[in-house]
Structure formats: structure tokens, C-alpha cells
Amino acid sequence: MNRAVIVIAAVLVVAIGAFAVNMSSGAPAGTATAPVEFDGMDDMNTLANLAQPAVQGNPEARIRIIEFGDYGCPACAGFYSTVKPQIELAYGDNEDVAFVYYDFPILQAHPHAFVAARAARCAGDQNMYWEYHGQLFENQRSWSLAASTPLGELESYAAAIGANEDQFSSCLRSDAYADVVTANLELARNLGVSGTPTVMVADGSGSAQRMGNDFASIQQAVGAALQGGESGDEGGR
């Protein structure tokens, strides 16, 4: 299997300017359903600072299993239902390994993926990001094929996990997190990501190795990274 090594730029703190929200048919005014523009979006450092991935596990973990995903992508739903449970079983209690999710909504194929990514972030305001993440993939066929922006269905998933419905709805029907999701998307493009799911394993050295979407290749890369870290620790004693 061919693997590309992508070096991720260092993160700098950069001020972000005003946002211009794009709307799509069927959404109330003020509801961000497509990428926005912001100052510095052509700068890799700005994008890396703003992108803010969702992290499951130890935020300080040395090794990161990274997915660039699209909530409307059937292959991503397959990854969620088959591979991610194996990752959780193998590394859920390992403080050295974390699972990291970056949004990469491909609107040409999945027109509601952007607003779905925002919805997950809104659920995250109530510490329910991963519960909502699951709802989106488990109910993908229902909301992703809707003729217009499925705000009602997205709100029903928040209710299903016990989120405060008013708080969630207020966030969803706004431009909240439109900048973050856009930064995720642009960062992925700058790193050469072109499809979903794209999976990488970062070993803490500042680089990320692109993997296949199967658990075996991920496990092999994580195992090598863990073993390399242990060797480094021993060498430093």
C-alpha cells in the first residue's frame, strides 16, 4: 500500500476577521449551511489554529488516529460502524492514543454535510459531541437525502440524546461554528485530502502518515508508533 507522509504546519495564534455566511435553499436567514469566508483563510497557520478538531480520548495523547470525514458520506458511515468500534476497543483506555475527527464536508455530493458538521459542534457545547456524531451516522439515510436543509431532523437527534433543545436550536439556526467547519475543510484541502474518509496516524513527531481505511493498517501504524515511543523512553533513561 502506498502511503504519503504529510507534514502538518505549526499552529500560530492569529486573529480571525469577520465572516460572510452563505445560505442554501430552505434554511432560515442567518443559518450557515455552506462554507464562509474569513481573513487569513489562505494562510496555513491561521487554518491550523482555527480548525479545532474533535478529540476522543486524551487531548495530550502522543499518537493520534485522524479521520477527515463527511457526515453525508456512506463510506464514512461504514467506517463509523465497523472500524471506529475496533479503535475504541483497542485504544479506548490508552492514554497515549486519541481519535481525532476533522470535518471535510463535500457539498457537491452531500449538500447537508456542512450544516450537519455545525450541528455536531452545537451538541458539543453541551458535552454531547460524540453522542451526536453517532446520531448523524446512524440516521444518515434519513437526513442526508432531504430535499431541503433538514433542521427539524437535526434538532430531533439532539432531543434523542437529551440535549437542551432550545440551546441546541439557537446554535444550529445561526452561523455558530461556520468558521471552524470551514477551517477544517480548507486545512484538509491544503494537506492534500480529496475524499472521505481519509485516515492518518500521527506519531507525535510532527508528521502524519496516510493509512488505508481498515483497522489492520491503523493498528499496525499505531503499534509501531507505540513501540517507537517506548524505545525512545528507554533511550532517554
Protein backbone atom coordinates (compact mmCIF):
# COMPACT_ATOMS: atom_id res chain seq x y z
CA MET A 1 0.00 0.00 0.00
CA ASN A 2 1.33 3.43 -0.93
CA ARG A 3 1.49 5.89 1.93
CA ALA A 4 2.03 9.63 1.71
CA VAL A 5 3.70 11.45 4.56
CA ILE A 6 2.20 14.89 5.13
CA VAL A 7 3.96 17.34 7.41
CA ILE A 8 1.49 19.45 9.40
CA ALA A 9 2.40 23.09 9.91
CA ALA A 10 2.94 24.54 13.38
CA VAL A 11 -0.01 26.34 14.91
CA LEU A 12 0.23 30.10 15.47
CA VAL A 13 -2.26 32.32 17.26
CA VAL A 14 -3.81 34.58 14.64
CA ALA A 15 -6.82 36.90 14.93
CA ILE A 16 -9.73 35.96 12.70
CA GLY A 17 -11.80 38.60 10.94
CA ALA A 18 -15.47 38.93 10.10
CA PHE A 19 -17.35 36.06 8.46
CA ALA A 20 -19.60 36.15 5.37
CA VAL A 21 -22.26 33.44 5.66
CA ASN A 22 -23.52 31.53 2.65
CA MET A 23 -27.04 30.15 2.71
CA SER A 24 -28.78 27.35 0.79
CA SER A 25 -32.44 26.85 -0.08
CA GLY A 26 -34.83 26.01 2.72
CA ALA A 27 -32.84 27.37 5.66
CA PRO A 28 -33.97 30.39 7.71
CA ALA A 29 -32.00 33.59 7.26
CA GLY A 30 -28.84 33.55 9.34
CA THR A 31 -28.42 29.76 9.26
CA ALA A 32 -25.00 28.83 7.86
CA THR A 33 -25.28 25.86 5.54
CA ALA A 34 -22.13 26.33 3.44
CA PRO A 35 -18.51 27.44 3.91
CA VAL A 36 -17.85 31.03 4.89
CA GLU A 37 -15.05 33.48 4.15
CA PHE A 38 -12.73 34.85 6.82
CA ASP A 39 -9.49 36.79 6.99
CA GLY A 40 -6.44 34.57 6.70
CA MET A 41 -8.17 31.56 5.18
CA ASP A 42 -5.35 31.27 2.64
CA ASP A 43 -2.78 31.03 5.43
CA MET A 44 -1.89 27.55 6.72
CA ASN A 45 -1.12 28.77 10.23
CA THR A 46 -4.46 30.54 10.53
CA LEU A 47 -6.30 27.44 9.32
CA ALA A 48 -4.41 25.14 11.68
CA ASN A 49 -5.23 27.42 14.61
CA LEU A 50 -8.93 27.72 13.84
CA ALA A 51 -9.68 24.19 12.63
CA GLN A 52 -10.22 22.74 16.13
CA PRO A 53 -10.76 19.01 15.59
CA ALA A 54 -12.96 16.95 17.88
CA VAL A 55 -10.81 14.73 20.11
CA GLN A 56 -11.94 11.48 21.71
CA GLY A 57 -9.55 10.35 24.40
CA ASN A 58 -6.60 12.10 25.99
CA PRO A 59 -6.21 15.58 24.38
CA GLU A 60 -2.48 15.37 25.11
CA ALA A 61 -2.05 11.91 23.56
CA ARG A 62 1.22 11.46 21.68
CA ILE A 63 -0.37 9.30 18.96
CA ARG A 64 -3.43 10.44 17.06
CA ILE A 65 -5.65 8.46 14.75
CA ILE A 66 -7.02 11.18 12.49
CA GLU A 67 -10.13 10.96 10.34
CA PHE A 68 -11.15 13.59 7.81
CA GLY A 69 -14.84 12.79 7.44
CA ASP A 70 -18.12 13.88 5.90
CA TYR A 71 -21.35 13.17 7.79
CA GLY A 72 -23.19 12.62 4.50
CA CYS A 73 -20.62 10.15 3.14
CA PRO A 74 -21.79 6.49 3.12
CA ALA A 75 -18.19 5.25 3.35
CA CYS A 76 -17.71 7.40 6.47
CA ALA A 77 -20.82 5.84 7.98
CA GLY A 78 -19.29 2.46 7.22
CA PHE A 79 -16.04 3.49 8.90
CA TYR A 80 -18.04 4.67 11.92
CA SER A 81 -19.95 1.39 12.23
CA THR A 82 -17.13 -1.08 11.53
CA VAL A 83 -13.67 0.42 12.13
CA LYS A 84 -14.22 3.01 14.84
CA PRO A 85 -15.61 0.44 17.34
CA GLN A 86 -12.41 -1.57 16.88
CA ILE A 87 -10.34 1.55 17.52
CA GLU A 88 -12.31 2.25 20.70
CA LEU A 89 -11.95 -1.35 21.89
CA ALA A 90 -8.21 -1.45 21.22
CA TYR A 91 -7.21 2.03 22.43
CA GLY A 92 -10.09 3.47 24.45
CA ASP A 93 -8.16 3.10 27.72
CA ASN A 94 -4.75 4.01 26.29
CA GLU A 95 -3.68 7.49 27.35
CA ASP A 96 -1.08 7.55 24.56
CA VAL A 97 -3.65 7.23 21.76
CA ALA A 98 -6.54 9.53 20.82
CA PHE A 99 -9.06 9.57 17.98
CA VAL A 100 -9.32 12.90 16.18
CA TYR A 101 -12.07 13.96 13.76
CA TYR A 102 -11.77 16.81 11.25
CA ASP A 103 -14.78 17.92 9.21
CA PHE A 104 -14.43 17.61 5.44
CA PRO A 105 -17.96 18.20 4.11
CA ILE A 106 -18.12 17.65 0.34
CA LEU A 107 -21.16 19.72 -0.54
CA GLN A 108 -21.19 18.80 -4.22
CA ALA A 109 -22.06 15.24 -3.22
CA HIS A 110 -23.66 15.80 0.20
CA PRO A 111 -25.34 19.24 0.33
CA HIS A 112 -26.34 18.99 4.01
CA ALA A 113 -22.97 17.82 5.31
CA PHE A 114 -21.82 21.31 6.31
CA VAL A 115 -24.84 22.10 8.47
CA ALA A 116 -24.59 18.59 9.97
CA ALA A 117 -20.99 19.28 10.96
CA ARG A 118 -22.12 22.52 12.58
CA ALA A 119 -24.89 20.63 14.38
CA ALA A 120 -22.35 18.25 15.93
CA ARG A 121 -20.38 21.24 17.18
CA CYS A 122 -23.57 22.70 18.68
CA ALA A 123 -24.12 19.42 20.53
CA GLY A 124 -20.52 19.70 21.70
CA ASP A 125 -21.47 22.88 23.54
CA GLN A 126 -23.41 20.56 25.86
CA ASN A 127 -20.60 17.97 26.02
CA MET A 128 -22.53 15.67 23.69
CA TYR A 129 -20.42 15.87 20.54
CA TRP A 130 -19.69 12.16 20.21
CA GLU A 131 -23.25 11.11 21.03
CA TYR A 132 -24.48 13.42 18.27
CA HIS A 133 -21.70 12.25 15.94
CA GLY A 134 -23.20 8.78 16.27
CA GLN A 135 -26.74 10.00 15.65
CA LEU A 136 -25.69 11.62 12.37
CA PHE A 137 -24.08 8.49 11.01
CA GLU A 138 -26.73 6.11 12.31
CA ASN A 139 -29.51 8.20 10.75
CA GLN A 140 -27.56 9.30 7.68
CA ARG A 141 -30.01 7.99 5.08
CA SER A 142 -32.83 9.96 6.64
CA TRP A 143 -31.40 13.48 6.85
CA SER A 144 -28.73 13.44 4.13
CA LEU A 145 -31.18 12.86 1.28
CA ALA A 146 -33.67 15.55 2.32
CA ALA A 147 -34.82 17.94 -0.39
CA SER A 148 -34.14 20.99 1.80
CA THR A 149 -31.99 21.72 4.83
CA PRO A 150 -33.14 19.15 7.45
CA LEU A 151 -33.07 21.40 10.51
CA GLY A 152 -36.03 19.65 12.12
CA GLU A 153 -34.39 16.25 11.87
CA LEU A 154 -31.09 17.59 13.15
CA GLU A 155 -32.94 19.05 16.12
CA SER A 156 -34.70 15.74 16.76
CA TYR A 157 -31.33 13.99 17.12
CA ALA A 158 -30.33 16.50 19.80
CA ALA A 159 -33.55 15.72 21.66
CA ALA A 160 -32.86 11.99 21.33
CA ILE A 161 -29.56 12.29 23.21
CA GLY A 162 -31.04 14.50 25.91
CA ALA A 163 -29.58 17.85 24.86
CA ASN A 164 -31.25 21.11 25.82
CA GLU A 165 -33.39 21.64 22.73
CA ASP A 166 -33.67 25.42 22.92
CA GLN A 167 -29.94 25.88 23.34
CA PHE A 168 -29.18 23.48 20.51
CA SER A 169 -31.73 25.04 18.15
CA SER A 170 -30.43 28.54 18.83
CA CYS A 171 -26.93 27.42 17.92
CA LEU A 172 -28.00 25.43 14.85
CA ARG A 173 -30.11 28.24 13.40
CA SER A 174 -27.20 30.67 13.39
CA ASP A 175 -23.70 30.90 11.92
CA ALA A 176 -22.08 29.33 15.00
CA TYR A 177 -19.05 27.20 14.11
CA ALA A 178 -19.32 28.01 10.41
CA ASP A 179 -15.78 29.40 10.60
CA VAL A 180 -14.47 26.31 12.40
CA VAL A 181 -16.00 23.85 9.94
CA THR A 182 -14.75 25.95 7.01
CA ALA A 183 -11.25 25.99 8.51
CA ASN A 184 -11.40 22.19 8.89
CA LEU A 185 -12.35 21.91 5.22
CA GLU A 186 -9.66 24.28 3.95
CA LEU A 187 -6.96 22.75 6.16
CA ALA A 188 -7.79 19.32 4.76
CA ARG A 189 -7.57 20.62 1.20
CA ASN A 190 -4.19 22.19 1.94
CA LEU A 191 -2.99 18.84 3.28
CA GLY A 192 -3.98 17.13 0.05
CA VAL A 193 -7.16 15.47 1.28
CA SER A 194 -9.55 14.91 -1.61
CA GLY A 195 -12.01 12.28 -0.40
CA THR A 196 -13.60 10.78 2.68
CA PRO A 197 -12.88 9.07 4.89
CA THR A 198 -9.18 9.92 4.79
CA VAL A 199 -7.34 8.39 7.73
CA MET A 200 -3.90 9.28 9.06
CA VAL A 201 -1.83 8.29 12.06
CA ALA A 202 0.33 10.97 13.70
CA ASP A 203 3.09 9.65 15.94
CA GLY A 204 3.99 12.86 17.76
CA SER A 205 6.96 13.68 15.54
CA GLY A 206 5.11 16.44 13.67
CA SER A 207 4.13 14.30 10.70
CA ALA A 208 1.09 12.22 9.85
CA GLN A 209 1.12 9.03 7.79
CA ARG A 210 -1.82 8.37 5.49
CA MET A 211 -3.42 4.99 6.04
CA GLY A 212 -5.96 2.69 4.46
CA ASN A 213 -9.45 2.81 5.95
CA ASP A 214 -9.14 -0.65 7.52
CA PHE A 215 -8.37 -1.38 11.15
CA ALA A 216 -5.44 -3.69 10.38
CA SER A 217 -3.33 -0.96 8.78
CA ILE A 218 -4.26 1.53 11.50
CA GLN A 219 -3.35 -1.00 14.20
CA GLN A 220 -0.01 -1.69 12.54
CA ALA A 221 0.89 2.01 12.39
CA VAL A 222 -0.24 2.69 15.97
CA GLY A 223 1.65 -0.35 17.21
CA ALA A 224 4.85 0.83 15.54
CA ALA A 225 4.38 4.32 16.99
CA LEU A 226 3.80 2.95 20.48
CA GLN A 227 6.84 0.73 20.23
CA GLY A 228 8.93 3.61 18.91
CA GLY A 229 7.86 5.77 21.82
CA GLU A 230 8.82 3.08 24.32
CA SER A 231 12.24 2.71 22.67
CA GLY A 232 12.72 6.46 22.85
CA ASP A 233 11.79 6.49 26.54
CA GLU A 234 14.28 3.74 27.27
CA GLY A 235 16.97 5.55 25.31
CA GLY A 236 16.45 8.66 27.40
CA ARG A 237 16.95 6.89 30.71
